[in-house]
Amino acid sequence: MSRTSACVPGLRITHRRYVPYSHAHYAGNLVDGAYSLGLFGDVATELCITTDEDEGLFASYADVQFRAPVRAGDLLEIVAELVTVGTRSRVIAFTASVVGRGTPEAGESSATMLAEPIVATSATGTCVVPG
């Protein structure tokens, strides 16, 4: 399998995902940090399919930072940006930002888009693809 012309640093893949209330684990409807990491895996899979026509395998995370809480009712934007292209490795920078938030104090199903996104989680990860 050969790399496609899309396998260049700077390529960005973006997903958006609503955080359901069924994922809240803690007081205040907080969601565990592993939720964001799972979403990073999903967006990394699309990036590897785009660049290498293969789902790839996640090899490692580096510098995972939980910067702000993620809550049930949030709308997250997950971005993967290809940083480095090796023979088989792909180093990817990830961010999960809250772009919308439930506002139950305004009504049971009330929500609003935020004027400024809140970066909730960031990380760097390495995926490998077949040679």
C-alpha atoms as a PDB file:
ATOM      1  CA  MET A   1       0.000   0.000   0.000  1.00  0.00           C
ATOM      2  CA  SER A   2       1.412   3.407  -0.857  1.00  0.00           C
ATOM      3  CA  ARG A   3       0.884   6.726   0.828  1.00  0.00           C
ATOM      4  CA  THR A   4      -1.552   9.090  -0.794  1.00  0.00           C
ATOM      5  CA  SER A   5      -0.676  12.671  -1.645  1.00  0.00           C
ATOM      6  CA  ALA A   6      -2.640  13.686   1.486  1.00  0.00           C
ATOM      7  CA  CYS A   7       0.137  12.409   3.773  1.00  0.00           C
ATOM      8  CA  VAL A   8       1.754  15.779   4.457  1.00  0.00           C
ATOM      9  CA  PRO A   9       2.254  17.600   7.749  1.00  0.00           C
ATOM     10  CA  GLY A  10      -0.477  20.131   8.404  1.00  0.00           C
ATOM     11  CA  LEU A  11      -3.353  17.883   7.291  1.00  0.00           C
ATOM     12  CA  ARG A  12      -6.260  18.401   9.716  1.00  0.00           C
ATOM     13  CA  ILE A  13      -9.255  16.182  10.373  1.00  0.00           C
ATOM     14  CA  THR A  14     -12.139  17.495  12.496  1.00  0.00           C
ATOM     15  CA  HIS A  15     -15.000  15.643  14.183  1.00  0.00           C
ATOM     16  CA  ARG A  16     -17.817  17.033  16.313  1.00  0.00           C
ATOM     17  CA  ARG A  17     -19.532  14.961  18.956  1.00  0.00           C
ATOM     18  CA  TYR A  18     -22.318  15.585  21.446  1.00  0.00           C
ATOM     19  CA  VAL A  19     -21.522  14.197  24.918  1.00  0.00           C
ATOM     20  CA  PRO A  20     -24.578  12.230  26.072  1.00  0.00           C
ATOM     21  CA  TYR A  21     -25.702  12.291  29.687  1.00  0.00           C
ATOM     22  CA  SER A  22     -25.192   8.516  29.807  1.00  0.00           C
ATOM     23  CA  HIS A  23     -21.415   9.179  29.802  1.00  0.00           C
ATOM     24  CA  ALA A  24     -21.419  11.322  32.959  1.00  0.00           C
ATOM     25  CA  HIS A  25     -19.529   9.543  35.746  1.00  0.00           C
ATOM     26  CA  TYR A  26     -19.001  12.203  38.383  1.00  0.00           C
ATOM     27  CA  ALA A  27     -20.786  14.956  40.283  1.00  0.00           C
ATOM     28  CA  GLY A  28     -21.689  17.958  38.170  1.00  0.00           C
ATOM     29  CA  ASN A  29     -22.228  15.661  35.141  1.00  0.00           C
ATOM     30  CA  LEU A  30     -18.459  15.433  34.590  1.00  0.00           C
ATOM     31  CA  VAL A  31     -17.154  12.964  32.024  1.00  0.00           C
ATOM     32  CA  ASP A  32     -13.918  11.047  32.587  1.00  0.00           C
ATOM     33  CA  GLY A  33     -10.757  12.012  30.720  1.00  0.00           C
ATOM     34  CA  ALA A  34     -10.741   8.713  28.841  1.00  0.00           C
ATOM     35  CA  TYR A  35     -13.759   9.965  26.876  1.00  0.00           C
ATOM     36  CA  SER A  36     -11.613  12.545  25.043  1.00  0.00           C
ATOM     37  CA  LEU A  37      -8.860   9.991  24.440  1.00  0.00           C
ATOM     38  CA  GLY A  38     -11.373   7.651  22.817  1.00  0.00           C
ATOM     39  CA  LEU A  39     -12.447  10.469  20.496  1.00  0.00           C
ATOM     40  CA  PHE A  40      -8.787  11.102  19.648  1.00  0.00           C
ATOM     41  CA  GLY A  41      -8.590   7.465  18.539  1.00  0.00           C
ATOM     42  CA  ASP A  42     -11.614   7.931  16.265  1.00  0.00           C
ATOM     43  CA  VAL A  43     -10.230  11.027  14.540  1.00  0.00           C
ATOM     44  CA  ALA A  44      -6.776   9.402  14.261  1.00  0.00           C
ATOM     45  CA  THR A  45      -8.400   6.471  12.470  1.00  0.00           C
ATOM     46  CA  GLU A  46      -9.922   8.804   9.875  1.00  0.00           C
ATOM     47  CA  LEU A  47      -6.588  10.584   9.457  1.00  0.00           C
ATOM     48  CA  CYS A  48      -4.785   7.267   8.811  1.00  0.00           C
ATOM     49  CA  ILE A  49      -7.471   6.165   6.351  1.00  0.00           C
ATOM     50  CA  THR A  50      -7.139   9.507   4.551  1.00  0.00           C
ATOM     51  CA  THR A  51      -3.350   9.394   4.375  1.00  0.00           C
ATOM     52  CA  ASP A  52      -2.607   5.676   4.053  1.00  0.00           C
ATOM     53  CA  GLU A  53      -5.849   3.886   3.175  1.00  0.00           C
ATOM     54  CA  ASP A  54      -5.473   1.906   6.409  1.00  0.00           C
ATOM     55  CA  GLU A  55      -7.009   2.375   9.874  1.00  0.00           C
ATOM     56  CA  GLY A  56      -3.542   2.343  11.475  1.00  0.00           C
ATOM     57  CA  LEU A  57      -2.751   1.353  15.043  1.00  0.00           C
ATOM     58  CA  PHE A  58      -2.313   3.737  17.952  1.00  0.00           C
ATOM     59  CA  ALA A  59       1.182   3.205  19.418  1.00  0.00           C
ATOM     60  CA  SER A  60       1.472   5.859  22.144  1.00  0.00           C
ATOM     61  CA  TYR A  61       0.329   9.110  23.671  1.00  0.00           C
ATOM     62  CA  ALA A  62       2.652  11.855  24.889  1.00  0.00           C
ATOM     63  CA  ASP A  63       1.922  15.020  26.832  1.00  0.00           C
ATOM     64  CA  VAL A  64      -1.774  14.394  27.574  1.00  0.00           C
ATOM     65  CA  GLN A  65      -3.218  17.454  29.320  1.00  0.00           C
ATOM     66  CA  PHE A  66      -6.685  17.761  30.830  1.00  0.00           C
ATOM     67  CA  ARG A  67      -7.162  21.532  30.778  1.00  0.00           C
ATOM     68  CA  ALA A  68     -10.881  22.022  31.419  1.00  0.00           C
ATOM     69  CA  PRO A  69     -13.808  19.807  32.380  1.00  0.00           C
ATOM     70  CA  VAL A  70     -15.944  17.982  29.850  1.00  0.00           C
ATOM     71  CA  ARG A  71     -19.578  17.628  30.906  1.00  0.00           C
ATOM     72  CA  ALA A  72     -22.572  15.730  29.647  1.00  0.00           C
ATOM     73  CA  GLY A  73     -24.450  18.054  27.304  1.00  0.00           C
ATOM     74  CA  ASP A  74     -21.256  19.491  25.823  1.00  0.00           C
ATOM     75  CA  LEU A  75     -20.630  19.661  22.095  1.00  0.00           C
ATOM     76  CA  LEU A  76     -16.984  18.806  21.448  1.00  0.00           C
ATOM     77  CA  GLU A  77     -14.841  19.574  18.436  1.00  0.00           C
ATOM     78  CA  ILE A  78     -11.992  17.108  18.099  1.00  0.00           C
ATOM     79  CA  VAL A  79      -9.095  18.029  15.820  1.00  0.00           C
ATOM     80  CA  ALA A  80      -6.196  15.849  14.700  1.00  0.00           C
ATOM     81  CA  GLU A  81      -3.324  17.535  12.905  1.00  0.00           C
ATOM     82  CA  LEU A  82      -0.578  15.537  11.232  1.00  0.00           C
ATOM     83  CA  VAL A  83       2.735  16.800  12.616  1.00  0.00           C
ATOM     84  CA  THR A  84       5.408  14.360  11.427  1.00  0.00           C
ATOM     85  CA  VAL A  85       5.404  11.649   8.753  1.00  0.00           C
ATOM     86  CA  GLY A  86       7.822   8.754   9.177  1.00  0.00           C
ATOM     87  CA  THR A  87       8.166   5.623   7.074  1.00  0.00           C
ATOM     88  CA  ARG A  88       5.390   3.924   9.066  1.00  0.00           C
ATOM     89  CA  SER A  89       4.731   6.359  11.913  1.00  0.00           C
ATOM     90  CA  ARG A  90       2.432   9.344  12.014  1.00  0.00           C
ATOM     91  CA  VAL A  91       2.821  11.865  14.856  1.00  0.00           C
ATOM     92  CA  ILE A  92      -0.464  13.653  15.446  1.00  0.00           C
ATOM     93  CA  ALA A  93      -1.422  16.651  17.622  1.00  0.00           C
ATOM     94  CA  PHE A  94      -4.903  16.417  19.145  1.00  0.00           C
ATOM     95  CA  THR A  95      -7.267  18.899  20.759  1.00  0.00           C
ATOM     96  CA  ALA A  96     -10.757  18.428  22.123  1.00  0.00           C
ATOM     97  CA  SER A  97     -12.537  21.747  22.575  1.00  0.00           C
ATOM     98  CA  VAL A  98     -15.953  22.483  24.047  1.00  0.00           C
ATOM     99  CA  VAL A  99     -17.791  24.528  21.395  1.00  0.00           C
ATOM    100  CA  GLY A 100     -21.300  24.203  22.833  1.00  0.00           C
ATOM    101  CA  ARG A 101     -22.641  23.538  26.303  1.00  0.00           C
ATOM    102  CA  GLY A 102     -25.921  22.446  27.800  1.00  0.00           C
ATOM    103  CA  THR A 103     -27.579  25.144  29.909  1.00  0.00           C
ATOM    104  CA  PRO A 104     -30.143  23.223  31.984  1.00  0.00           C
ATOM    105  CA  GLU A 105     -30.649  26.248  34.249  1.00  0.00           C
ATOM    106  CA  ALA A 106     -32.377  27.910  31.260  1.00  0.00           C
ATOM    107  CA  GLY A 107     -34.564  24.861  30.553  1.00  0.00           C
ATOM    108  CA  GLU A 108     -34.249  21.079  30.527  1.00  0.00           C
ATOM    109  CA  SER A 109     -33.064  20.800  26.933  1.00  0.00           C
ATOM    110  CA  SER A 110     -31.511  24.250  26.612  1.00  0.00           C
ATOM    111  CA  ALA A 111     -28.012  24.598  25.162  1.00  0.00           C
ATOM    112  CA  THR A 112     -25.870  27.294  23.622  1.00  0.00           C
ATOM    113  CA  MET A 113     -22.891  27.565  21.305  1.00  0.00           C
ATOM    114  CA  LEU A 114     -19.939  29.221  23.020  1.00  0.00           C
ATOM    115  CA  ALA A 115     -18.526  32.489  21.702  1.00  0.00           C
ATOM    116  CA  GLU A 116     -14.998  31.118  22.286  1.00  0.00           C
ATOM    117  CA  PRO A 117     -14.148  27.406  22.355  1.00  0.00           C
ATOM    118  CA  ILE A 118     -12.673  26.005  25.565  1.00  0.00           C
ATOM    119  CA  VAL A 119      -9.737  23.630  25.027  1.00  0.00           C
ATOM    120  CA  ALA A 120     -10.563  20.728  27.326  1.00  0.00           C
ATOM    121  CA  THR A 121      -7.938  18.120  26.376  1.00  0.00           C
ATOM    122  CA  SER A 122      -4.775  18.136  24.302  1.00  0.00           C
ATOM    123  CA  ALA A 123      -2.242  15.441  23.483  1.00  0.00           C
ATOM    124  CA  THR A 124       0.303  14.218  21.006  1.00  0.00           C
ATOM    125  CA  GLY A 125       0.032  10.676  19.746  1.00  0.00           C
ATOM    126  CA  THR A 126       1.813   8.308  17.411  1.00  0.00           C
ATOM    127  CA  CYS A 127       0.058   5.922  15.058  1.00  0.00           C
ATOM    128  CA  VAL A 128       1.688   3.314  12.841  1.00  0.00           C
ATOM    129  CA  VAL A 129       0.525   2.106   9.455  1.00  0.00           C
ATOM    130  CA  PRO A 130       1.689  -0.837   7.319  1.00  0.00           C
ATOM    131  CA  GLY A 131       4.938  -0.249   5.458  1.00  0.00           C
END
